[in-house]
């Protein structure tokens, strides 16, 4: 993955937290860890629950990539092909859940 600027921009932090919260509500569970360093990380997705150590399904990317995916400015396939996403594990694919919209269905 590309080098990540480890300083937190407060506006980016707010957007990252809001969009990750929406993802967790739309795709609940503990099978996938989504990491957006240095801003936040969440667990989401149905499947084997992760409780200790490094999870088997990990997705990591820069905040700019995450926000572009969440808004629909880029696609999962494009970002993955560009090397902007590090994804490991059989469940490490959020393409069916992006872009995010503001509505959460129960």
Protein backbone atom coordinates (compact mmCIF):
# COMPACT_ATOMS: atom_id res chain seq x y z
CA UNK A 1 0.00 0.00 0.00
CA UNK A 2 1.09 3.59 -0.51
CA UNK A 3 2.62 5.50 2.37
CA UNK A 4 0.01 7.10 4.58
CA UNK A 5 0.28 10.55 6.11
CA UNK A 6 -0.11 9.78 9.81
CA UNK A 7 -1.42 13.24 10.74
CA UNK A 8 -5.16 13.44 11.29
CA UNK A 9 -7.18 16.12 9.54
CA UNK A 10 -10.25 16.80 11.74
CA UNK A 11 -12.61 17.12 8.75
CA UNK A 12 -11.37 13.85 7.25
CA UNK A 13 -11.63 12.18 10.66
CA UNK A 14 -15.28 13.21 10.91
CA UNK A 15 -16.06 11.89 7.41
CA UNK A 16 -14.20 8.63 7.97
CA UNK A 17 -15.94 7.99 11.29
CA UNK A 18 -19.38 8.80 9.85
CA UNK A 19 -18.95 6.56 6.81
CA UNK A 20 -17.46 3.66 8.78
CA UNK A 21 -20.36 3.94 11.23
CA UNK A 22 -22.79 3.76 8.32
CA UNK A 23 -20.97 0.72 6.90
CA UNK A 24 -21.13 -1.03 10.29
CA UNK A 25 -24.88 -0.36 10.51
CA UNK A 26 -25.56 -1.55 6.95
CA UNK A 27 -23.23 -4.56 7.14
CA UNK A 28 -23.22 -5.66 10.80
CA UNK A 29 -20.99 -8.38 12.13
CA UNK A 30 -17.45 -9.09 13.24
CA UNK A 31 -15.94 -11.11 10.37
CA UNK A 32 -14.05 -8.34 8.53
CA UNK A 33 -11.79 -5.66 9.94
CA UNK A 34 -11.74 -2.43 7.94
CA UNK A 35 -8.76 -0.22 8.74
CA UNK A 36 -8.39 3.41 7.68
CA UNK A 37 -5.16 4.49 9.37
CA UNK A 38 -4.58 6.71 11.23
CA UNK A 39 -8.30 7.48 11.59
CA UNK A 40 -10.25 4.39 12.61
CA UNK A 41 -10.89 0.69 12.29
CA UNK A 42 -14.14 -1.25 12.58
CA UNK A 43 -15.35 -4.80 12.36
CA UNK A 44 -18.29 -5.61 10.10
CA UNK A 45 -19.74 -8.37 7.98
CA UNK A 46 -21.32 -11.71 8.66
CA UNK A 47 -19.14 -14.77 8.96
CA UNK A 48 -16.76 -16.29 11.46
CA UNK A 49 -16.45 -13.93 14.41
CA UNK A 50 -13.00 -12.55 15.14
CA UNK A 51 -12.09 -12.09 18.81
CA UNK A 52 -8.28 -12.19 19.24
CA UNK A 53 -5.12 -11.51 17.27
CA UNK A 54 -5.02 -10.55 13.62
CA UNK A 55 -8.38 -11.18 11.97
CA UNK A 56 -8.51 -13.51 8.96
CA UNK A 57 -10.28 -10.90 6.80
CA UNK A 58 -8.62 -7.49 6.76
CA UNK A 59 -9.12 -4.49 4.49
CA UNK A 60 -6.82 -1.49 4.78
CA UNK A 61 -6.62 1.71 2.75
CA UNK A 62 -5.93 5.42 2.94
CA UNK A 63 -8.71 7.76 3.99
CA UNK A 64 -8.84 9.33 0.52
CA UNK A 65 -9.49 5.92 -1.04
CA UNK A 66 -12.13 5.02 1.56
CA UNK A 67 -14.01 8.29 1.12
CA UNK A 68 -13.91 7.93 -2.68
CA UNK A 69 -15.37 4.41 -2.36
CA UNK A 70 -18.00 5.49 0.17
CA UNK A 71 -19.16 8.35 -2.05
CA UNK A 72 -19.09 6.41 -5.31
CA UNK A 73 -16.27 8.52 -6.80
CA UNK A 74 -14.38 5.28 -7.48
CA UNK A 75 -15.25 1.59 -7.54
CA UNK A 76 -13.88 -1.27 -5.48
CA UNK A 77 -12.45 -2.94 -8.59
CA UNK A 78 -10.68 0.23 -9.75
CA UNK A 79 -9.17 0.95 -6.33
CA UNK A 80 -8.09 -2.69 -5.91
CA UNK A 81 -6.51 -2.75 -9.39
CA UNK A 82 -4.62 0.49 -8.63
CA UNK A 83 -3.20 -1.08 -5.48
CA UNK A 84 -5.02 1.43 -3.28
CA UNK A 85 -6.60 -1.34 -1.18
CA UNK A 86 -4.84 -4.06 0.78
CA UNK A 87 -7.36 -6.87 1.22
CA UNK A 88 -6.70 -10.34 2.62
CA UNK A 89 -9.08 -13.16 3.40
CA UNK A 90 -11.95 -14.76 1.55
CA UNK A 91 -14.50 -12.24 2.89
CA UNK A 92 -12.38 -9.11 2.34
CA UNK A 93 -14.55 -7.53 -0.35
CA UNK A 94 -16.90 -4.61 0.26
CA UNK A 95 -17.94 -4.09 -3.37
CA UNK A 96 -21.53 -5.20 -2.71
CA UNK A 97 -21.89 -2.56 0.04
CA UNK A 98 -20.44 0.46 -1.76
CA UNK A 99 -21.10 3.24 -2.42
CA UNK A 100 -22.79 4.03 0.88
CA UNK A 101 -26.09 5.84 1.05
CA UNK A 102 -27.59 7.58 4.05
CA UNK A 103 -30.35 5.06 4.66
CA UNK A 104 -30.01 1.98 6.83
CA UNK A 105 -32.52 -0.80 6.25
CA UNK A 106 -33.35 -2.99 9.25
